């Protein structure tokens, strides 16, 4: 594996892992009232586009990071929609 791919995997791991505390907090509190519906909607769309880009250029770090990020962000978006107050 090239060094630049390792850098991409490290960067993707950090930005993806940043969502885990928010997912855990939201799940435990059963509240998503403080999450912005607009922000997460736009963010999920952007991540989906990054994933498509990664697939088109066959860049594994971009594909892996954005797949996992999309799952986590979509989960938060789904909780936001489910637990409307």
PDB file of N, CA and C in Angstrom:
ATOM      1  N   UNK A   1       0.843  -1.175   0.000  1.00  0.00           N
ATOM      2  CA  UNK A   1       0.000   0.000   0.000  1.00  0.00           C
ATOM      3  C   UNK A   1       0.889   1.239   0.000  1.00  0.00           C
ATOM      4  N   UNK A   2       0.535   2.176  -0.805  1.00  0.00           N
ATOM      5  CA  UNK A   2       1.317   3.416  -0.900  1.00  0.00           C
ATOM      6  C   UNK A   2       1.152   4.262   0.355  1.00  0.00           C
ATOM      7  N   UNK A   3       2.185   5.034   0.659  1.00  0.00           N
ATOM      8  CA  UNK A   3       2.145   5.914   1.829  1.00  0.00           C
ATOM      9  C   UNK A   3       0.996   6.902   1.745  1.00  0.00           C
ATOM     10  N   UNK A   4       0.707   7.387   0.549  1.00  0.00           N
ATOM     11  CA  UNK A   4      -0.374   8.362   0.396  1.00  0.00           C
ATOM     12  C   UNK A   4      -1.731   7.730   0.703  1.00  0.00           C
ATOM     13  N   UNK A   5      -1.880   6.433   0.411  1.00  0.00           N
ATOM     14  CA  UNK A   5      -3.126   5.739   0.757  1.00  0.00           C
ATOM     15  C   UNK A   5      -3.236   5.565   2.269  1.00  0.00           C
ATOM     16  N   UNK A   6      -2.125   5.309   2.924  1.00  0.00           N
ATOM     17  CA  UNK A   6      -2.135   5.220   4.384  1.00  0.00           C
ATOM     18  C   UNK A   6      -2.543   6.551   5.010  1.00  0.00           C
ATOM     19  N   UNK A   7      -2.037   7.633   4.450  1.00  0.00           N
ATOM     20  CA  UNK A   7      -2.422   8.958   4.911  1.00  0.00           C
ATOM     21  C   UNK A   7      -3.930   9.152   4.738  1.00  0.00           C
ATOM     22  N   UNK A   8      -4.454   8.757   3.592  1.00  0.00           N
ATOM     23  CA  UNK A   8      -5.890   8.871   3.336  1.00  0.00           C
ATOM     24  C   UNK A   8      -6.708   8.022   4.294  1.00  0.00           C
ATOM     25  N   UNK A   9      -6.247   6.815   4.579  1.00  0.00           N
ATOM     26  CA  UNK A   9      -6.952   5.952   5.522  1.00  0.00           C
ATOM     27  C   UNK A   9      -6.931   6.530   6.935  1.00  0.00           C
ATOM     28  N   UNK A  10      -5.803   7.102   7.331  1.00  0.00           N
ATOM     29  CA  UNK A  10      -5.703   7.733   8.649  1.00  0.00           C
ATOM     30  C   UNK A  10      -6.637   8.940   8.746  1.00  0.00           C
ATOM     31  N   UNK A  11      -6.618   9.778   7.732  1.00  0.00           N
ATOM     32  CA  UNK A  11      -7.492  10.955   7.723  1.00  0.00           C
ATOM     33  C   UNK A  11      -8.961  10.529   7.747  1.00  0.00           C
ATOM     34  N   UNK A  12      -9.306   9.562   6.929  1.00  0.00           N
ATOM     35  CA  UNK A  12     -10.681   9.079   6.892  1.00  0.00           C
ATOM     36  C   UNK A  12     -11.104   8.450   8.211  1.00  0.00           C
ATOM     37  N   UNK A  13     -10.188   7.751   8.855  1.00  0.00           N
ATOM     38  CA  UNK A  13     -10.493   7.137  10.153  1.00  0.00           C
ATOM     39  C   UNK A  13     -10.803   8.190  11.203  1.00  0.00           C
ATOM     40  N   UNK A  14     -10.029   9.258  11.198  1.00  0.00           N
ATOM     41  CA  UNK A  14     -10.244  10.328  12.180  1.00  0.00           C
ATOM     42  C   UNK A  14     -11.584  11.039  11.953  1.00  0.00           C
ATOM     43  N   UNK A  15     -11.866  11.420  10.725  1.00  0.00           N
ATOM     44  CA  UNK A  15     -13.112  12.149  10.464  1.00  0.00           C
ATOM     45  C   UNK A  15     -14.338  11.254  10.635  1.00  0.00           C
ATOM     46  N   UNK A  16     -14.192   9.983  10.349  1.00  0.00           N
ATOM     47  CA  UNK A  16     -15.304   9.049  10.527  1.00  0.00           C
ATOM     48  C   UNK A  16     -15.523   8.769  12.010  1.00  0.00           C
ATOM     49  N   UNK A  17     -14.453   8.513  12.736  1.00  0.00           N
ATOM     50  CA  UNK A  17     -14.561   8.218  14.170  1.00  0.00           C
ATOM     51  C   UNK A  17     -15.146   9.387  14.950  1.00  0.00           C
ATOM     52  N   UNK A  18     -15.026  10.587  14.435  1.00  0.00           N
ATOM     53  CA  UNK A  18     -15.570  11.762  15.109  1.00  0.00           C
ATOM     54  C   UNK A  18     -17.085  11.667  15.283  1.00  0.00           C
ATOM     55  N   UNK A  19     -17.764  10.883  14.463  1.00  0.00           N
ATOM     56  CA  UNK A  19     -19.208  10.740  14.560  1.00  0.00           C
ATOM     57  C   UNK A  19     -19.639   9.765  15.647  1.00  0.00           C
ATOM     58  N   UNK A  20     -18.770   8.879  16.053  1.00  0.00           N
ATOM     59  CA  UNK A  20     -19.154   7.832  17.001  1.00  0.00           C
ATOM     60  C   UNK A  20     -19.639   8.400  18.340  1.00  0.00           C
ATOM     61  N   UNK A  21     -18.960   9.366  18.954  1.00  0.00           N
ATOM     62  CA  UNK A  21     -19.476   9.906  20.217  1.00  0.00           C
ATOM     63  C   UNK A  21     -20.880  10.522  20.074  1.00  0.00           C
ATOM     64  N   UNK A  22     -21.157  11.153  18.955  1.00  0.00           N
ATOM     65  CA  UNK A  22     -22.480  11.751  18.755  1.00  0.00           C
ATOM     66  C   UNK A  22     -23.550  10.683  18.586  1.00  0.00           C
ATOM     67  N   UNK A  23     -23.225   9.620  17.864  1.00  0.00           N
ATOM     68  CA  UNK A  23     -24.165   8.515  17.702  1.00  0.00           C
ATOM     69  C   UNK A  23     -24.476   7.894  19.061  1.00  0.00           C
ATOM     70  N   UNK A  24     -23.440   7.628  19.851  1.00  0.00           N
ATOM     71  CA  UNK A  24     -23.623   7.018  21.171  1.00  0.00           C
ATOM     72  C   UNK A  24     -24.447   7.935  22.076  1.00  0.00           C
ATOM     73  N   UNK A  25     -24.119   9.212  22.107  1.00  0.00           N
ATOM     74  CA  UNK A  25     -24.830  10.170  22.957  1.00  0.00           C
ATOM     75  C   UNK A  25     -26.292  10.262  22.564  1.00  0.00           C
ATOM     76  N   UNK A  26     -26.557  10.360  21.267  1.00  0.00           N
ATOM     77  CA  UNK A  26     -27.929  10.476  20.784  1.00  0.00           C
ATOM     78  C   UNK A  26     -28.721   9.215  21.104  1.00  0.00           C
ATOM     79  N   UNK A  27     -28.103   8.058  20.903  1.00  0.00           N
ATOM     80  CA  UNK A  27     -28.783   6.787  21.179  1.00  0.00           C
ATOM     81  C   UNK A  27     -29.092   6.634  22.676  1.00  0.00           C
ATOM     82  N   UNK A  28     -28.114   6.948  23.520  1.00  0.00           N
ATOM     83  CA  UNK A  28     -28.309   6.801  24.965  1.00  0.00           C
ATOM     84  C   UNK A  28     -29.357   7.767  25.513  1.00  0.00           C
ATOM     85  N   UNK A  29     -29.330   9.000  25.026  1.00  0.00           N
ATOM     86  CA  UNK A  29     -30.257  10.013  25.539  1.00  0.00           C
ATOM     87  C   UNK A  29     -31.643   9.910  24.901  1.00  0.00           C
ATOM     88  N   UNK A  30     -31.731   9.172  23.812  1.00  0.00           N
ATOM     89  CA  UNK A  30     -32.980   9.046  23.058  1.00  0.00           C
ATOM     90  C   UNK A  30     -33.537  10.416  22.658  1.00  0.00           C
ATOM     91  N   UNK A  31     -32.606  11.321  22.385  1.00  0.00           N
ATOM     92  CA  UNK A  31     -32.987  12.670  21.984  1.00  0.00           C
ATOM     93  C   UNK A  31     -32.064  13.162  20.881  1.00  0.00           C
ATOM     94  N   UNK A  32     -32.682  13.670  19.833  1.00  0.00           N
ATOM     95  CA  UNK A  32     -31.920  14.254  18.732  1.00  0.00           C
ATOM     96  C   UNK A  32     -32.335  15.705  18.516  1.00  0.00           C
ATOM     97  N   UNK A  33     -32.935  16.294  19.546  1.00  0.00           N
ATOM     98  CA  UNK A  33     -33.470  17.648  19.391  1.00  0.00           C
ATOM     99  C   UNK A  33     -32.401  18.693  19.087  1.00  0.00           C
ATOM    100  N   UNK A  34     -31.188  18.465  19.535  1.00  0.00           N
ATOM    101  CA  UNK A  34     -30.128  19.442  19.306  1.00  0.00           C
ATOM    102  C   UNK A  34     -29.402  19.253  17.981  1.00  0.00           C
ATOM    103  N   UNK A  35     -29.758  18.210  17.230  1.00  0.00           N
ATOM    104  CA  UNK A  35     -29.139  17.990  15.920  1.00  0.00           C
ATOM    105  C   UNK A  35     -29.891  18.791  14.867  1.00  0.00           C
ATOM    106  N   UNK A  36     -29.165  19.373  13.969  1.00  0.00           N
ATOM    107  CA  UNK A  36     -29.764  20.166  12.901  1.00  0.00           C
ATOM    108  C   UNK A  36     -30.192  19.255  11.745  1.00  0.00           C
ATOM    109  N   UNK A  37     -31.491  19.239  11.466  1.00  0.00           N
ATOM    110  CA  UNK A  37     -32.018  18.436  10.363  1.00  0.00           C
ATOM    111  C   UNK A  37     -31.426  18.908   9.037  1.00  0.00           C
ATOM    112  N   UNK A  38     -31.353  20.210   8.851  1.00  0.00           N
ATOM    113  CA  UNK A  38     -30.794  20.759   7.613  1.00  0.00           C
ATOM    114  C   UNK A  38     -29.334  20.392   7.423  1.00  0.00           C
ATOM    115  N   UNK A  39     -28.555  20.527   8.492  1.00  0.00           N
ATOM    116  CA  UNK A  39     -27.128  20.224   8.405  1.00  0.00           C
ATOM    117  C   UNK A  39     -26.910  18.759   8.072  1.00  0.00           C
ATOM    118  N   UNK A  40     -27.618  17.857   8.771  1.00  0.00           N
ATOM    119  CA  UNK A  40     -27.396  16.430   8.521  1.00  0.00           C
ATOM    120  C   UNK A  40     -27.931  16.001   7.158  1.00  0.00           C
ATOM    121  N   UNK A  41     -28.973  16.649   6.670  1.00  0.00           N
ATOM    122  CA  UNK A  41     -29.481  16.346   5.328  1.00  0.00           C
ATOM    123  C   UNK A  41     -28.459  16.727   4.261  1.00  0.00           C
ATOM    124  N   UNK A  42     -27.922  17.924   4.388  1.00  0.00           N
ATOM    125  CA  UNK A  42     -26.918  18.389   3.431  1.00  0.00           C
ATOM    126  C   UNK A  42     -25.639  17.574   3.566  1.00  0.00           C
ATOM    127  N   UNK A  43     -25.240  17.277   4.802  1.00  0.00           N
ATOM    128  CA  UNK A  43     -24.024  16.515   5.038  1.00  0.00           C
ATOM    129  C   UNK A  43     -24.121  15.123   4.420  1.00  0.00           C
ATOM    130  N   UNK A  44     -25.235  14.431   4.634  1.00  0.00           N
ATOM    131  CA  UNK A  44     -25.419  13.090   4.065  1.00  0.00           C
ATOM    132  C   UNK A  44     -25.373  13.134   2.540  1.00  0.00           C
ATOM    133  N   UNK A  45     -25.957  14.164   1.961  1.00  0.00           N
ATOM    134  CA  UNK A  45     -25.901  14.315   0.506  1.00  0.00           C
ATOM    135  C   UNK A  45     -24.454  14.499   0.044  1.00  0.00           C
ATOM    136  N   UNK A  46     -23.708  15.346   0.742  1.00  0.00           N
ATOM    137  CA  UNK A  46     -22.304  15.567   0.401  1.00  0.00           C
ATOM    138  C   UNK A  46     -21.469  14.309   0.535  1.00  0.00           C
ATOM    139  N   UNK A  47     -21.687  13.561   1.597  1.00  0.00           N
ATOM    140  CA  UNK A  47     -20.925  12.325   1.803  1.00  0.00           C
ATOM    141  C   UNK A  47     -21.273  11.300   0.723  1.00  0.00           C
ATOM    142  N   UNK A  48     -22.544  11.236   0.343  1.00  0.00           N
ATOM    143  CA  UNK A  48     -22.948  10.340  -0.740  1.00  0.00           C
ATOM    144  C   UNK A  48     -22.240  10.716  -2.045  1.00  0.00           C
ATOM    145  N   UNK A  49     -22.120  12.004  -2.299  1.00  0.00           N
ATOM    146  CA  UNK A  49     -21.407  12.463  -3.501  1.00  0.00           C
ATOM    147  C   UNK A  49     -19.919  12.139  -3.419  1.00  0.00           C
ATOM    148  N   UNK A  50     -19.312  12.295  -2.240  1.00  0.00           N
ATOM    149  CA  UNK A  50     -17.901  11.920  -2.059  1.00  0.00           C
ATOM    150  C   UNK A  50     -17.715  10.427  -2.282  1.00  0.00           C
ATOM    151  N   UNK A  51     -18.674   9.637  -1.804  1.00  0.00           N
ATOM    152  CA  UNK A  51     -18.604   8.194  -2.017  1.00  0.00           C
ATOM    153  C   UNK A  51     -18.661   7.864  -3.507  1.00  0.00           C
ATOM    154  N   UNK A  52     -19.575   8.512  -4.219  1.00  0.00           N
ATOM    155  CA  UNK A  52     -19.668   8.297  -5.665  1.00  0.00           C
ATOM    156  C   UNK A  52     -18.360   8.686  -6.345  1.00  0.00           C
ATOM    157  N   UNK A  53     -17.799   9.804  -5.939  1.00  0.00           N
ATOM    158  CA  UNK A  53     -16.511  10.255  -6.480  1.00  0.00           C
ATOM    159  C   UNK A  53     -15.426   9.213  -6.226  1.00  0.00           C
ATOM    160  N   UNK A  54     -15.359   8.719  -4.988  1.00  0.00           N
ATOM    161  CA  UNK A  54     -14.356   7.716  -4.641  1.00  0.00           C
ATOM    162  C   UNK A  54     -14.497   6.454  -5.472  1.00  0.00           C
ATOM    163  N   UNK A  55     -15.737   6.052  -5.711  1.00  0.00           N
ATOM    164  CA  UNK A  55     -15.975   4.874  -6.546  1.00  0.00           C
ATOM    165  C   UNK A  55     -15.527   5.138  -7.980  1.00  0.00           C
ATOM    166  N   UNK A  56     -15.861   6.302  -8.491  1.00  0.00           N
ATOM    167  CA  UNK A  56     -15.502   6.636  -9.882  1.00  0.00           C
ATOM    168  C   UNK A  56     -13.996   6.702 -10.102  1.00  0.00           C
ATOM    169  N   UNK A  57     -13.263   7.159  -9.092  1.00  0.00           N
ATOM    170  CA  UNK A  57     -11.806   7.234  -9.257  1.00  0.00           C
ATOM    171  C   UNK A  57     -11.106   6.024  -8.630  1.00  0.00           C
ATOM    172  N   UNK A  58     -11.896   5.089  -8.094  1.00  0.00           N
ATOM    173  CA  UNK A  58     -11.381   3.856  -7.491  1.00  0.00           C
ATOM    174  C   UNK A  58     -10.367   4.134  -6.388  1.00  0.00           C
ATOM    175  N   UNK A  59     -10.711   5.043  -5.489  1.00  0.00           N
ATOM    176  CA  UNK A  59      -9.827   5.415  -4.379  1.00  0.00           C
ATOM    177  C   UNK A  59     -10.344   4.765  -3.099  1.00  0.00           C
ATOM    178  N   UNK A  60      -9.679   3.701  -2.668  1.00  0.00           N
ATOM    179  CA  UNK A  60     -10.133   2.912  -1.538  1.00  0.00           C
ATOM    180  C   UNK A  60     -10.299   3.719  -0.244  1.00  0.00           C
ATOM    181  N   UNK A  61      -9.346   4.574   0.144  1.00  0.00           N
ATOM    182  CA  UNK A  61      -9.553   5.346   1.370  1.00  0.00           C
ATOM    183  C   UNK A  61     -10.804   6.229   1.307  1.00  0.00           C
ATOM    184  N   UNK A  62     -11.062   6.847   0.174  1.00  0.00           N
ATOM    185  CA  UNK A  62     -12.249   7.696   0.020  1.00  0.00           C
ATOM    186  C   UNK A  62     -13.515   6.846   0.102  1.00  0.00           C
ATOM    187  N   UNK A  63     -13.490   5.683  -0.516  1.00  0.00           N
ATOM    188  CA  UNK A  63     -14.653   4.791  -0.508  1.00  0.00           C
ATOM    189  C   UNK A  63     -14.945   4.298   0.906  1.00  0.00           C
ATOM    190  N   UNK A  64     -13.928   3.802   1.583  1.00  0.00           N
ATOM    191  CA  UNK A  64     -14.122   3.242   2.933  1.00  0.00           C
ATOM    192  C   UNK A  64     -14.603   4.317   3.910  1.00  0.00           C
ATOM    193  N   UNK A  65     -13.900   5.430   3.952  1.00  0.00           N
ATOM    194  CA  UNK A  65     -14.245   6.484   4.910  1.00  0.00           C
ATOM    195  C   UNK A  65     -15.647   7.020   4.667  1.00  0.00           C
ATOM    196  N   UNK A  66     -15.993   7.249   3.427  1.00  0.00           N
ATOM    197  CA  UNK A  66     -17.300   7.832   3.148  1.00  0.00           C
ATOM    198  C   UNK A  66     -18.433   6.829   3.278  1.00  0.00           C
ATOM    199  N   UNK A  67     -18.167   5.565   3.069  1.00  0.00           N
ATOM    200  CA  UNK A  67     -19.200   4.552   3.309  1.00  0.00           C
ATOM    201  C   UNK A  67     -19.559   4.508   4.791  1.00  0.00           C
ATOM    202  N   UNK A  68     -18.536   4.441   5.631  1.00  0.00           N
ATOM    203  CA  UNK A  68     -18.781   4.369   7.076  1.00  0.00           C
ATOM    204  C   UNK A  68     -19.386   5.670   7.589  1.00  0.00           C
ATOM    205  N   UNK A  69     -18.873   6.798   7.134  1.00  0.00           N
ATOM    206  CA  UNK A  69     -19.416   8.092   7.542  1.00  0.00           C
ATOM    207  C   UNK A  69     -20.872   8.225   7.119  1.00  0.00           C
ATOM    208  N   UNK A  70     -21.201   7.772   5.913  1.00  0.00           N
ATOM    209  CA  UNK A  70     -22.582   7.845   5.440  1.00  0.00           C
ATOM    210  C   UNK A  70     -23.503   7.008   6.320  1.00  0.00           C
ATOM    211  N   UNK A  71     -23.051   5.838   6.725  1.00  0.00           N
ATOM    212  CA  UNK A  71     -23.864   4.991   7.608  1.00  0.00           C
ATOM    213  C   UNK A  71     -24.107   5.704   8.945  1.00  0.00           C
ATOM    214  N   UNK A  72     -23.046   6.232   9.543  1.00  0.00           N
ATOM    215  CA  UNK A  72     -23.176   6.899  10.842  1.00  0.00           C
ATOM    216  C   UNK A  72     -24.036   8.159  10.749  1.00  0.00           C
ATOM    217  N   UNK A  73     -23.785   8.997   9.766  1.00  0.00           N
ATOM    218  CA  UNK A  73     -24.540  10.242   9.620  1.00  0.00           C
ATOM    219  C   UNK A  73     -25.999   9.960   9.254  1.00  0.00           C
ATOM    220  N   UNK A  74     -26.224   8.948   8.434  1.00  0.00           N
ATOM    221  CA  UNK A  74     -27.599   8.585   8.069  1.00  0.00           C
ATOM    222  C   UNK A  74     -28.350   8.045   9.285  1.00  0.00           C
ATOM    223  N   UNK A  75     -27.641   7.315  10.140  1.00  0.00           N
ATOM    224  CA  UNK A  75     -28.254   6.817  11.367  1.00  0.00           C
ATOM    225  C   UNK A  75     -28.696   7.989  12.242  1.00  0.00           C
ATOM    226  N   UNK A  76     -27.834   8.997  12.385  1.00  0.00           N
ATOM    227  CA  UNK A  76     -28.203  10.179  13.160  1.00  0.00           C
ATOM    228  C   UNK A  76     -29.374  10.909  12.514  1.00  0.00           C
ATOM    229  N   UNK A  77     -29.365  11.009  11.214  1.00  0.00           N
ATOM    230  CA  UNK A  77     -30.472  11.657  10.498  1.00  0.00           C
ATOM    231  C   UNK A  77     -31.772  10.887  10.731  1.00  0.00           C
ATOM    232  N   UNK A  78     -31.702   9.575  10.688  1.00  0.00           N
ATOM    233  CA  UNK A  78     -32.889   8.753  10.928  1.00  0.00           C
ATOM    234  C   UNK A  78     -33.402   8.927  12.358  1.00  0.00           C
ATOM    235  N   UNK A  79     -32.492   9.006  13.320  1.00  0.00           N
ATOM    236  CA  UNK A  79     -32.906   9.239  14.707  1.00  0.00           C
ATOM    237  C   UNK A  79     -33.551  10.613  14.848  1.00  0.00           C
ATOM    238  N   UNK A  80     -32.995  11.595  14.168  1.00  0.00           N
ATOM    239  CA  UNK A  80     -33.564  12.938  14.206  1.00  0.00           C
ATOM    240  C   UNK A  80     -34.997  12.919  13.675  1.00  0.00           C
ATOM    241  N   UNK A  81     -35.216  12.219  12.582  1.00  0.00           N
ATOM    242  CA  UNK A  81     -36.556  12.142  12.002  1.00  0.00           C
ATOM    243  C   UNK A  81     -37.502  11.301  12.877  1.00  0.00           C
ATOM    244  N   UNK A  82     -36.970  10.272  13.499  1.00  0.00           N
ATOM    245  CA  UNK A  82     -37.790   9.384  14.331  1.00  0.00           C
ATOM    246  C   UNK A  82     -38.192  10.036  15.647  1.00  0.00           C
ATOM    247  N   UNK A  83     -37.261  10.733  16.262  1.00  0.00           N
ATOM    248  CA  UNK A  83     -37.513  11.291  17.584  1.00  0.00           C
ATOM    249  C   UNK A  83     -37.813  12.782  17.526  1.00  0.00           C
ATOM    250  N   UNK A  84     -38.642  13.181  16.585  1.00  0.00           N
ATOM    251  CA  UNK A  84     -39.039  14.596  16.522  1.00  0.00           C
ATOM    252  C   UNK A  84     -39.787  14.963  17.803  1.00  0.00           C
ATOM    253  N   UNK A  85     -39.503  16.153  18.298  1.00  0.00           N
ATOM    254  CA  UNK A  85     -40.195  16.591  19.514  1.00  0.00           C
ATOM    255  C   UNK A  85     -41.128  17.722  19.167  1.00  0.00           C
TER     256      UNK A  85
END
